[in-house]
Protein backbone atom coordinates (compact mmCIF):
# COMPACT_ATOMS: atom_id res chain seq x y z
CA UNK A 1 93.82 101.62 100.28
CA UNK A 2 91.09 100.41 97.98
CA UNK A 3 90.71 99.70 94.30
CA UNK A 4 89.45 102.35 91.91
CA UNK A 5 89.17 102.05 88.14
CA UNK A 6 90.95 104.09 85.52
CA UNK A 7 88.69 104.65 82.50
CA UNK A 8 89.38 106.26 79.14
CA UNK A 9 87.61 109.44 78.01
CA UNK A 10 84.69 107.33 76.74
CA UNK A 11 84.26 105.74 80.18
CA UNK A 12 85.55 102.27 79.27
CA UNK A 13 87.55 100.29 81.85
CA UNK A 14 91.31 100.60 81.33
CA UNK A 15 92.96 99.27 84.50
CA UNK A 16 92.62 99.12 88.27
CA UNK A 17 94.50 101.55 90.51
CA UNK A 18 94.72 102.18 94.25
CA UNK A 19 93.26 105.16 96.09
CA UNK A 20 92.82 106.05 99.75
CA UNK A 21 89.89 104.35 101.52
CA UNK A 22 88.18 107.71 101.97
CA UNK A 23 88.19 108.56 98.23
CA UNK A 24 84.86 108.33 96.39
CA UNK A 25 83.60 109.76 93.14
CA UNK A 26 85.15 110.48 89.76
CA UNK A 27 88.35 112.46 89.09
CA UNK A 28 89.92 113.57 85.80
CA UNK A 29 93.30 112.23 84.66
CA UNK A 30 95.38 114.71 82.72
CA UNK A 31 98.22 113.68 80.42
CA UNK A 32 100.75 115.76 78.59
CA UNK A 33 100.95 114.87 74.93
CA UNK A 34 102.53 118.22 74.17
CA UNK A 35 105.94 119.41 75.31
CA UNK A 36 104.67 122.10 77.69
CA UNK A 37 102.75 121.38 80.89
CA UNK A 38 100.20 124.10 80.08
CA UNK A 39 98.83 122.00 77.23
CA UNK A 40 97.76 118.99 79.26
CA UNK A 41 94.83 117.06 77.85
CA UNK A 42 92.16 114.99 79.52
CA UNK A 43 93.16 111.34 79.01
CA UNK A 44 90.60 109.65 81.24
CA UNK A 45 89.17 109.49 84.73
CA UNK A 46 89.64 107.62 87.99
CA UNK A 47 86.32 106.17 89.16
CA UNK A 48 86.25 105.33 92.87
CA UNK A 49 82.93 103.51 92.65
CA UNK A 50 82.85 99.70 92.80
CA UNK A 51 82.15 97.93 89.50
CA UNK A 52 79.13 95.63 89.86
CA UNK A 53 79.68 91.96 89.14
CA UNK A 54 78.51 90.51 85.85
CA UNK A 55 79.61 93.22 83.42
CA UNK A 56 81.55 91.93 80.42
CA UNK A 57 82.92 95.33 79.37
CA UNK A 58 82.37 97.88 82.16
CA UNK A 59 81.70 101.45 81.04
CA UNK A 60 81.19 104.43 83.34
CA UNK A 61 78.21 106.57 82.32
CA UNK A 62 79.23 110.12 83.24
CA UNK A 63 75.69 111.51 82.92
CA UNK A 64 73.99 108.87 85.08
CA UNK A 65 77.06 108.35 87.34
CA UNK A 66 76.76 104.55 87.20
CA UNK A 67 78.59 101.57 85.74
CA UNK A 68 76.86 100.13 82.67
CA UNK A 69 77.44 97.28 80.25
CA UNK A 70 79.64 98.52 77.43
CA UNK A 71 79.32 95.44 75.24
CA UNK A 72 76.55 95.05 72.66
CA UNK A 73 73.95 92.35 73.40
CA UNK A 74 74.91 90.48 70.20
CA UNK A 75 78.52 90.23 71.43
CA UNK A 76 77.35 88.99 74.84
CA UNK A 77 75.14 86.34 73.20
CA UNK A 78 78.06 85.17 71.04
CA UNK A 79 80.31 84.88 74.11
CA UNK A 80 77.68 82.94 76.02
CA UNK A 81 77.07 80.59 73.09
CA UNK A 82 80.81 79.94 72.70
CA UNK A 83 81.16 79.25 76.42
CA UNK A 84 78.25 76.79 76.30
CA UNK A 85 79.76 74.78 73.42
CA UNK A 86 81.88 71.95 74.83
CA UNK A 87 84.00 69.91 72.45
CA UNK A 88 84.27 66.11 72.53
CA UNK A 89 87.89 66.47 73.63
CA UNK A 90 86.84 68.58 76.63
CA UNK A 91 84.22 65.99 77.62
CA UNK A 92 86.76 63.17 77.38
CA UNK A 93 89.30 65.23 79.33
CA UNK A 94 86.81 65.86 82.14
CA UNK A 95 85.91 62.17 82.28
CA UNK A 96 89.61 61.25 82.40
CA UNK A 97 90.19 63.62 85.30
CA UNK A 98 87.22 62.12 87.17
CA UNK A 99 88.56 58.58 86.60
CA UNK A 100 92.02 59.57 87.82
CA UNK A 101 90.57 61.16 90.95
CA UNK A 102 88.53 58.02 91.62
CA UNK A 103 91.64 55.85 91.18
CA UNK A 104 93.58 58.02 93.64
CA UNK A 105 90.73 57.78 96.14
CA UNK A 106 90.67 53.98 95.78
CA UNK A 107 94.43 53.80 96.27
CA UNK A 108 94.13 55.85 99.45
CA UNK A 109 91.39 53.53 100.72
CA UNK A 110 93.54 50.46 99.96
CA UNK A 111 96.49 52.00 101.83
CA UNK A 112 94.26 52.78 104.81
CA UNK A 113 92.95 49.19 104.86
CA UNK A 114 96.52 47.84 104.67
CA UNK A 115 97.52 50.00 107.64
CA UNK A 116 94.48 48.82 109.56
CA UNK A 117 95.30 45.16 108.79
CA UNK A 118 98.91 45.64 109.96
CA UNK A 119 97.70 47.19 113.21
CA UNK A 120 95.29 44.31 113.79
CA UNK A 121 98.03 41.70 113.20
CA UNK A 122 100.53 43.47 115.47
CA UNK A 123 98.00 44.78 117.97
């Protein structure tokens, strides 16, 4: 089994699904919004083509048969700017974590030296 992607009728990523390893290509997904099975409507597609890394909002282009970026460049820029902005609290938190890790490392070194000293005295 491998992962394929369910997309809506506009080609936008909806959710992952599993298909047989041998399955490739694009297949329609029919849903019944009406009471009778004869009136099934196209609700999306299953795309058994791997999504390339780096897409913020994957969209399948049915004409070109490729995955494309579905997010506008302005939205991507806003996301990247927000991700780059680090608050003072986050900086302090990171420094605190680093200090705690250093303290733990020093405690481990002290314990190792104590064990070594005990072995030398009793050795």
